[in-house]
Amino acid sequence: MFEAEGLVVERGGFRISVDRLRVDDRVVLLGRNGSGKTTLLKCFVGFIRPSKGRLLLNGEEITNLSPSMRRIGYIPQEPVRLPLKPSQVVEFFARKFGANGLEILNKLGISYILDKEALSQGESQIVNLAVVMMRRPELLLLDEPTANLDYLNQVGFWRVLRTLPTPMVYVTHDPLEASLIADHIYLVEDGSVRGPYSNPLRERAELLVEDFNLYKILQK
């Protein structure tokens, strides 16, 4: 479980506060562009220090720990691409983290990438997720990870996320994306964070994702 308590983050004249945020399932930070969602995520991962408050991960305070010491996995908006074949990427990081790379790929449903020479942006983002999971994180932070993916790759990434048991904070400005992913939603607005709100729209969101899949509809 991850908690932010009495948090105030100030950055370049911008200020955002969190009275209390608790994460033990899939939490979405929903807010418009410029509302402070990414600033909060960077604070959680350790790139920005808060002015006030504290952060706890499974009961341990991590407010002053460096990012490498926080046992947190972070997925940025842009997929990280290395000049290696997919199989080499998996092999390298599996060895580095002492993980079973093939087992993780199988769980994510992407073992087929081992036979590919190059990956699409969507596949690259899912491989980034696989690499992060090799670290055995206790929390996942995802900063609009599908913003640069086409629709089918977005849907594939969302579905992979739904299979993961790891608690996560997912940042988005898209209400449909939030409805599809979230167990609980926090609204980021006017320099503060309100919530949690339960997600009443997941089943409708899943239907909408299918109803608006013109790629599938036009192929019939």
Protein backbone atom coordinates (compact mmCIF):
# COMPACT_ATOMS: atom_id res chain seq x y z
CA MET A 1 0.00 0.00 0.00
CA PHE A 2 1.19 3.50 -0.87
CA GLU A 3 0.10 6.63 1.00
CA ALA A 4 0.65 10.36 0.59
CA GLU A 5 -0.24 12.41 3.65
CA GLY A 6 -0.38 16.20 4.02
CA LEU A 7 1.65 16.58 0.84
CA VAL A 8 2.55 19.96 -0.68
CA VAL A 9 4.62 20.08 -3.86
CA GLU A 10 5.91 23.40 -5.22
CA ARG A 11 7.62 23.71 -8.59
CA GLY A 12 8.40 26.85 -10.56
CA GLY A 13 5.65 28.89 -8.89
CA PHE A 14 3.15 26.03 -9.20
CA ARG A 15 1.70 24.49 -6.03
CA ILE A 16 -0.35 21.33 -5.57
CA SER A 17 -1.49 19.70 -2.34
CA VAL A 18 -2.77 16.28 -1.29
CA ASP A 19 -4.49 15.85 2.08
CA ARG A 20 -4.47 12.07 1.80
CA LEU A 21 -4.09 9.64 -1.06
CA ARG A 22 -4.12 5.88 -0.56
CA VAL A 23 -3.21 3.27 -3.18
CA ASP A 24 -3.80 -0.44 -2.72
CA ASP A 25 -5.39 -1.21 -6.10
CA ARG A 26 -5.61 0.57 -9.48
CA VAL A 27 -5.82 4.30 -8.79
CA VAL A 28 -6.19 6.89 -11.55
CA LEU A 29 -5.19 10.54 -11.20
CA LEU A 30 -7.60 12.26 -13.59
CA GLY A 31 -7.05 15.87 -14.55
CA ARG A 32 -6.73 18.28 -17.43
CA ASN A 33 -3.38 19.16 -19.00
CA GLY A 34 -1.37 21.38 -16.67
CA SER A 35 -3.31 20.37 -13.56
CA GLY A 36 -0.21 18.93 -11.82
CA LYS A 37 -0.64 15.19 -12.38
CA THR A 38 2.89 14.64 -13.70
CA THR A 39 4.36 16.84 -10.95
CA LEU A 40 2.74 14.60 -8.35
CA LEU A 41 3.99 11.45 -10.06
CA LYS A 42 7.54 12.82 -10.14
CA CYS A 43 7.24 13.51 -6.42
CA PHE A 44 6.04 9.96 -5.77
CA VAL A 45 8.93 8.45 -7.73
CA GLY A 46 11.47 10.75 -6.06
CA PHE A 47 12.46 13.16 -8.83
CA ILE A 48 10.91 16.10 -6.90
CA ARG A 49 11.02 16.64 -3.12
CA PRO A 50 7.79 17.77 -1.41
CA SER A 51 7.76 20.98 0.63
CA LYS A 52 5.58 19.33 3.25
CA GLY A 53 4.08 15.95 4.07
CA ARG A 54 5.27 12.41 3.76
CA LEU A 55 5.11 9.37 1.50
CA LEU A 56 4.81 5.81 2.78
CA LEU A 57 5.18 2.51 0.94
CA ASN A 58 3.90 -0.53 2.83
CA GLY A 59 4.31 1.32 6.13
CA GLU A 60 7.86 2.55 5.46
CA GLU A 61 8.45 6.27 4.97
CA ILE A 62 10.16 6.91 1.64
CA THR A 63 9.89 10.71 1.48
CA ASN A 64 13.65 11.26 1.53
CA LEU A 65 14.77 8.12 -0.29
CA SER A 66 16.37 8.35 -3.74
CA PRO A 67 14.32 6.98 -6.68
CA SER A 68 16.53 3.88 -6.90
CA MET A 69 15.74 2.99 -3.28
CA ARG A 70 11.94 3.30 -3.46
CA ARG A 71 10.95 -0.13 -4.92
CA ILE A 72 8.73 1.72 -7.39
CA GLY A 73 8.33 1.06 -11.11
CA TYR A 74 7.93 4.10 -13.36
CA ILE A 75 6.58 4.15 -16.95
CA PRO A 76 6.92 7.53 -18.71
CA GLN A 77 4.83 8.79 -21.61
CA GLU A 78 7.45 8.13 -24.27
CA PRO A 79 8.48 4.48 -24.72
CA VAL A 80 12.16 3.91 -23.95
CA ARG A 81 13.80 2.26 -26.93
CA LEU A 82 17.22 0.62 -26.83
CA PRO A 83 19.37 -0.25 -29.88
CA LEU A 84 18.88 -3.96 -29.22
CA LYS A 85 16.62 -6.72 -30.45
CA PRO A 86 13.62 -7.40 -28.17
CA SER A 87 15.10 -10.74 -27.10
CA GLN A 88 18.36 -9.01 -26.14
CA VAL A 89 16.50 -6.39 -24.09
CA VAL A 90 14.62 -9.08 -22.19
CA GLU A 91 17.74 -11.18 -21.66
CA PHE A 92 19.78 -8.21 -20.42
CA PHE A 93 17.28 -6.96 -17.86
CA ALA A 94 16.25 -10.44 -16.72
CA ARG A 95 19.89 -11.13 -15.91
CA LYS A 96 20.35 -7.71 -14.29
CA PHE A 97 17.34 -8.13 -11.98
CA GLY A 98 17.60 -11.90 -11.47
CA ALA A 99 14.15 -12.44 -13.00
CA ASN A 100 12.54 -15.02 -15.25
CA GLY A 101 12.00 -12.87 -18.33
CA LEU A 102 10.03 -15.46 -20.30
CA GLU A 103 7.67 -16.05 -17.39
CA ILE A 104 6.91 -12.34 -17.15
CA LEU A 105 6.38 -12.05 -20.91
CA ASN A 106 3.99 -15.01 -20.78
CA LYS A 107 2.01 -13.37 -17.96
CA LEU A 108 1.72 -10.19 -20.02
CA GLY A 109 0.78 -12.17 -23.13
CA ILE A 110 3.67 -10.84 -25.20
CA SER A 111 6.15 -13.74 -25.47
CA TYR A 112 5.80 -13.45 -29.26
CA ILE A 113 8.04 -10.36 -29.19
CA LEU A 114 11.09 -12.57 -28.70
CA ASP A 115 10.85 -13.57 -32.36
CA LYS A 116 10.66 -9.99 -33.66
CA GLU A 117 13.47 -7.85 -34.98
CA ALA A 118 11.79 -4.54 -34.15
CA LEU A 119 8.75 -3.36 -32.21
CA SER A 120 5.92 -0.90 -32.69
CA GLN A 121 5.53 1.91 -30.15
CA GLY A 122 2.78 -0.03 -28.38
CA GLU A 123 4.87 -3.19 -28.19
CA SER A 124 7.85 -1.15 -26.96
CA GLN A 125 5.74 0.32 -24.15
CA ILE A 126 4.57 -3.14 -23.07
CA VAL A 127 8.18 -4.36 -23.12
CA ASN A 128 9.05 -1.38 -20.90
CA LEU A 129 6.32 -2.57 -18.56
CA ALA A 130 7.79 -6.10 -18.61
CA VAL A 131 11.24 -4.71 -17.74
CA VAL A 132 9.78 -2.71 -14.85
CA MET A 133 8.00 -5.84 -13.56
CA MET A 134 11.36 -7.68 -13.56
CA ARG A 135 12.38 -5.34 -10.72
CA ARG A 136 9.49 -6.71 -8.63
CA PRO A 137 8.14 -3.25 -7.76
CA GLU A 138 5.74 -2.74 -4.87
CA LEU A 139 4.06 0.13 -6.73
CA LEU A 140 3.68 1.12 -10.39
CA LEU A 141 3.54 4.74 -11.54
CA LEU A 142 2.36 5.32 -15.12
CA ASP A 143 2.41 8.80 -16.67
CA GLU A 144 -0.05 8.82 -19.61
CA PRO A 145 1.74 5.75 -21.04
CA THR A 146 -0.61 5.38 -24.04
CA ALA A 147 -0.58 9.04 -25.15
CA ASN A 148 1.57 8.30 -28.21
CA LEU A 149 0.04 4.93 -29.12
CA ASP A 150 -2.58 4.22 -31.77
CA TYR A 151 -5.98 2.96 -30.66
CA LEU A 152 -5.33 -0.77 -30.97
CA ASN A 153 -2.05 -0.48 -29.10
CA GLN A 154 -3.80 1.58 -26.43
CA VAL A 155 -6.43 -1.13 -25.96
CA GLY A 156 -3.73 -3.81 -25.80
CA PHE A 157 -1.80 -1.89 -23.14
CA TRP A 158 -4.93 -1.25 -21.05
CA ARG A 159 -5.81 -4.94 -21.10
CA VAL A 160 -2.30 -5.96 -20.06
CA LEU A 161 -2.50 -3.57 -17.09
CA ARG A 162 -5.74 -5.16 -15.95
CA THR A 163 -3.91 -8.49 -15.46
CA LEU A 164 -1.35 -7.07 -13.01
CA PRO A 165 -1.85 -7.48 -9.24
CA THR A 166 0.63 -4.70 -8.37
CA PRO A 167 -0.94 -1.50 -6.95
CA MET A 168 -0.61 1.37 -9.40
CA VAL A 169 -1.12 5.09 -9.91
CA TYR A 170 -2.12 5.84 -13.50
CA VAL A 171 -2.15 9.42 -14.78
CA THR A 172 -4.54 10.44 -17.56
CA HIS A 173 -6.67 13.33 -18.80
CA ASP A 174 -9.04 10.92 -20.61
CA PRO A 175 -12.28 10.03 -18.75
CA LEU A 176 -12.80 6.88 -20.87
CA GLU A 177 -9.31 5.63 -20.10
CA ALA A 178 -9.81 6.38 -16.41
CA SER A 179 -13.14 4.52 -16.41
CA LEU A 180 -11.60 1.49 -18.09
CA ILE A 181 -8.62 1.15 -15.74
CA ALA A 182 -9.51 2.54 -12.32
CA ASP A 183 -10.75 0.86 -9.20
CA HIS A 184 -10.65 4.31 -7.60
CA ILE A 185 -10.25 7.79 -9.08
CA TYR A 186 -8.77 11.00 -7.66
CA LEU A 187 -9.57 14.28 -9.41
CA VAL A 188 -6.65 16.71 -9.79
CA GLU A 189 -8.02 20.24 -10.08
CA ASP A 190 -7.29 23.80 -8.92
CA GLY A 191 -4.05 22.83 -7.19
CA SER A 192 -5.49 20.05 -5.07
CA VAL A 193 -6.44 16.38 -5.22
CA ARG A 194 -9.98 15.25 -4.36
CA GLY A 195 -11.13 11.71 -3.78
CA PRO A 196 -11.16 8.82 -3.72
CA TYR A 197 -14.20 8.15 -5.91
CA SER A 198 -15.27 4.65 -6.82
CA ASN A 199 -15.46 3.84 -10.52
CA PRO A 200 -19.09 3.22 -11.54
CA LEU A 201 -18.42 3.11 -15.29
CA ARG A 202 -16.00 0.24 -15.91
CA GLU A 203 -18.47 -2.11 -17.60
CA ARG A 204 -19.79 0.71 -19.80
CA ALA A 205 -16.23 1.74 -20.66
CA GLU A 206 -15.36 -1.79 -21.73
CA LEU A 207 -18.39 -1.87 -24.02
CA LEU A 208 -17.54 1.55 -25.47
CA VAL A 209 -14.00 0.42 -26.26
CA GLU A 210 -15.48 -2.35 -28.39
CA ASP A 211 -18.32 -0.26 -29.85
CA PHE A 212 -15.91 2.41 -31.10
CA ASN A 213 -13.30 0.00 -32.46
CA LEU A 214 -13.70 0.98 -36.11
CA TYR A 215 -10.71 -1.17 -37.05
CA LYS A 216 -12.74 -4.25 -36.15
CA ILE A 217 -16.12 -2.93 -37.33
CA LEU A 218 -14.91 -1.96 -40.81
CA GLN A 219 -13.27 -5.33 -41.35
CA LYS A 220 -16.58 -7.17 -41.05
